[in-house]
């Protein structure tokens, strides 16, 4: 094989191999990073949300809320930090809240999760504390090696029937 033929063969090989390697590298970089399928990690984020709300912890909210987070609560839409700020204002006026995740059902699909649960807790003020429950659902997105709360919906549960 002449040196010109070898040069052309090498050039053709490089011309074919380099784009294949480059495309496979780009595809690998674009591939989603699926979350480990640990339902407890999803429940933990909801508990962290309640912890942040209980203590008006803005830093924890910023850690767990996804960019573009919003919530439907009490018949209204709250964007970003609006709901946490509303809770903080309620604390300032003497309201107290307790929240807990009970009966969670979690579904994970790669980097998205959906959770439904009953939030059993209470609402209190100077006149006393009343037990209260809410039916809630949330959507979470897995980014940066952790779950982030993307959406939350809360509806007051009907009070227990008086027997």
Protein backbone atom coordinates (compact mmCIF):
# COMPACT_ATOMS: atom_id res chain seq x y z
CA UNK A 1 0.00 0.00 0.00
CA UNK A 2 1.44 3.36 -0.97
CA UNK A 3 1.88 6.14 1.55
CA UNK A 4 -0.88 8.12 -0.19
CA UNK A 5 -3.25 5.13 0.14
CA UNK A 6 -2.35 4.69 3.81
CA UNK A 7 -2.86 8.40 4.42
CA UNK A 8 -6.29 8.30 2.72
CA UNK A 9 -7.28 5.14 4.64
CA UNK A 10 -6.26 6.76 7.94
CA UNK A 11 -8.07 9.99 7.06
CA UNK A 12 -11.26 8.08 6.15
CA UNK A 13 -11.06 6.05 9.38
CA UNK A 14 -10.62 9.19 11.45
CA UNK A 15 -13.42 10.92 9.55
CA UNK A 16 -15.76 8.01 10.38
CA UNK A 17 -14.69 7.27 13.95
CA UNK A 18 -14.47 10.80 15.39
CA UNK A 19 -18.13 11.72 14.69
CA UNK A 20 -19.33 8.39 16.13
CA UNK A 21 -17.33 8.91 19.33
CA UNK A 22 -18.46 12.54 19.56
CA UNK A 23 -22.13 11.62 19.07
CA UNK A 24 -22.00 8.84 21.63
CA UNK A 25 -20.38 11.24 24.12
CA UNK A 26 -23.11 13.83 23.52
CA UNK A 27 -25.81 11.16 23.89
CA UNK A 28 -24.32 9.95 27.15
CA UNK A 29 -24.15 13.53 28.46
CA UNK A 30 -27.80 14.11 27.56
CA UNK A 31 -28.97 10.86 29.16
CA UNK A 32 -31.16 11.36 32.21
CA UNK A 33 -29.81 10.49 35.59
CA UNK A 34 -32.52 8.37 37.12
CA UNK A 35 -33.00 8.57 40.85
CA UNK A 36 -32.51 5.55 43.07
CA UNK A 37 -35.94 4.05 43.64
CA UNK A 38 -36.11 4.75 47.36
CA UNK A 39 -39.61 5.88 48.28
CA UNK A 40 -38.33 7.04 51.67
CA UNK A 41 -36.25 9.78 50.03
CA UNK A 42 -39.40 11.25 48.47
CA UNK A 43 -41.26 11.16 51.81
CA UNK A 44 -38.19 12.76 53.45
CA UNK A 45 -38.49 15.82 51.19
CA UNK A 46 -42.10 16.35 52.25
CA UNK A 47 -41.06 16.03 55.90
CA UNK A 48 -38.26 18.54 55.25
CA UNK A 49 -40.84 20.90 53.75
CA UNK A 50 -42.89 20.61 56.96
CA UNK A 51 -39.74 21.11 59.05
CA UNK A 52 -38.84 24.24 57.08
CA UNK A 53 -42.40 25.54 57.43
CA UNK A 54 -42.48 24.83 61.18
CA UNK A 55 -39.30 26.84 61.76
CA UNK A 56 -39.59 29.44 58.98
CA UNK A 57 -36.31 28.05 57.60
CA UNK A 58 -35.78 29.94 54.35
CA UNK A 59 -32.47 28.17 53.65
CA UNK A 60 -34.05 24.73 53.88
CA UNK A 61 -36.89 25.86 51.60
CA UNK A 62 -34.35 27.04 49.03
CA UNK A 63 -32.57 23.68 49.27
CA UNK A 64 -35.66 21.53 48.68
CA UNK A 65 -37.84 23.65 46.38
CA UNK A 66 -37.27 23.21 42.65
CA UNK A 67 -36.91 26.21 40.38
CA UNK A 68 -40.44 27.11 39.32
CA UNK A 69 -42.03 25.53 42.43
CA UNK A 70 -45.69 26.32 42.96
CA UNK A 71 -48.49 25.12 45.21
CA UNK A 72 -52.27 25.03 45.23
CA UNK A 73 -53.49 25.55 48.79
CA UNK A 74 -56.64 27.02 50.31
CA UNK A 75 -58.09 27.61 46.84
CA UNK A 76 -55.14 29.72 45.63
CA UNK A 77 -51.92 29.37 43.65
CA UNK A 78 -48.67 30.23 45.41
CA UNK A 79 -45.45 30.63 43.40
CA UNK A 80 -41.93 30.15 44.72
CA UNK A 81 -41.59 31.38 48.30
CA UNK A 82 -45.13 32.84 48.53
CA UNK A 83 -46.54 29.91 50.57
CA UNK A 84 -43.57 29.76 52.96
CA UNK A 85 -43.86 33.53 53.49
CA UNK A 86 -47.60 33.21 54.16
CA UNK A 87 -46.91 30.54 56.80
CA UNK A 88 -44.23 32.75 58.35
CA UNK A 89 -46.70 35.65 58.53
CA UNK A 90 -49.28 33.35 60.18
CA UNK A 91 -46.65 32.34 62.76
CA UNK A 92 -46.05 36.04 63.41
CA UNK A 93 -49.74 36.53 64.18
CA UNK A 94 -49.73 33.67 66.71
CA UNK A 95 -50.83 30.70 64.58
CA UNK A 96 -49.23 27.32 65.19
CA UNK A 97 -49.29 24.32 62.88
CA UNK A 98 -48.27 20.70 63.08
CA UNK A 99 -48.07 18.50 60.02
CA UNK A 100 -47.26 14.84 59.39
CA UNK A 101 -47.16 12.51 56.41
CA UNK A 102 -49.37 9.45 56.91
CA UNK A 103 -50.23 6.66 54.50
CA UNK A 104 -47.84 7.86 51.75
CA UNK A 105 -48.06 6.31 48.31
CA UNK A 106 -45.03 7.04 46.13
CA UNK A 107 -44.50 6.43 42.43
CA UNK A 108 -41.07 7.02 40.84
CA UNK A 109 -40.45 7.29 37.09
CA UNK A 110 -36.73 7.91 36.53
CA UNK A 111 -36.17 11.53 37.63
CA UNK A 112 -39.80 12.33 38.54
CA UNK A 113 -41.82 11.22 41.55
CA UNK A 114 -45.44 11.60 42.59
CA UNK A 115 -46.59 11.22 46.19
CA UNK A 116 -50.05 11.23 47.74
CA UNK A 117 -50.64 11.16 51.50
CA UNK A 118 -52.87 12.30 54.30
CA UNK A 119 -51.40 15.15 56.31
CA UNK A 120 -52.66 14.71 59.87
CA UNK A 121 -51.90 17.64 62.13
CA UNK A 122 -53.39 20.63 63.88
CA UNK A 123 -53.90 24.37 63.70
CA UNK A 124 -53.72 26.50 66.82
CA UNK A 125 -53.88 30.05 68.09
CA UNK A 126 -54.53 31.82 71.40
CA UNK A 127 -58.03 30.30 71.59
CA UNK A 128 -56.79 26.70 71.34
CA UNK A 129 -55.66 23.96 68.99
CA UNK A 130 -57.87 21.98 66.63
CA UNK A 131 -56.91 18.69 64.99
CA UNK A 132 -57.01 18.93 61.23
CA UNK A 133 -56.25 16.76 58.22
CA UNK A 134 -55.46 17.54 54.61
CA UNK A 135 -55.34 15.35 51.50
CA UNK A 136 -52.15 16.23 49.68
CA UNK A 137 -50.22 15.34 46.58
CA UNK A 138 -46.85 16.50 45.30
CA UNK A 139 -44.59 16.14 42.28
CA UNK A 140 -40.83 16.02 42.78
CA UNK A 141 -37.94 16.23 40.33
CA UNK A 142 -34.55 14.58 40.86
CA UNK A 143 -31.77 17.10 40.21
CA UNK A 144 -28.24 17.39 41.55
CA UNK A 145 -28.35 14.04 43.35
CA UNK A 146 -31.49 14.86 45.36
CA UNK A 147 -35.24 15.24 45.10
CA UNK A 148 -36.72 18.75 44.80
CA UNK A 149 -40.34 19.70 45.36
CA UNK A 150 -41.80 20.95 42.07
CA UNK A 151 -45.54 21.09 42.91
CA UNK A 152 -47.72 20.68 46.00
CA UNK A 153 -51.50 20.46 46.25
CA UNK A 154 -53.37 20.54 49.55
CA UNK A 155 -57.09 20.18 50.23
CA UNK A 156 -58.69 20.10 53.66
CA UNK A 157 -60.03 16.63 54.43
CA UNK A 158 -63.61 16.32 55.54
CA UNK A 159 -63.90 16.19 59.33
CA UNK A 160 -64.63 12.76 60.81
CA UNK A 161 -68.32 11.94 60.88
CA UNK A 162 -69.95 12.49 64.25
CA UNK A 163 -71.43 9.16 65.31
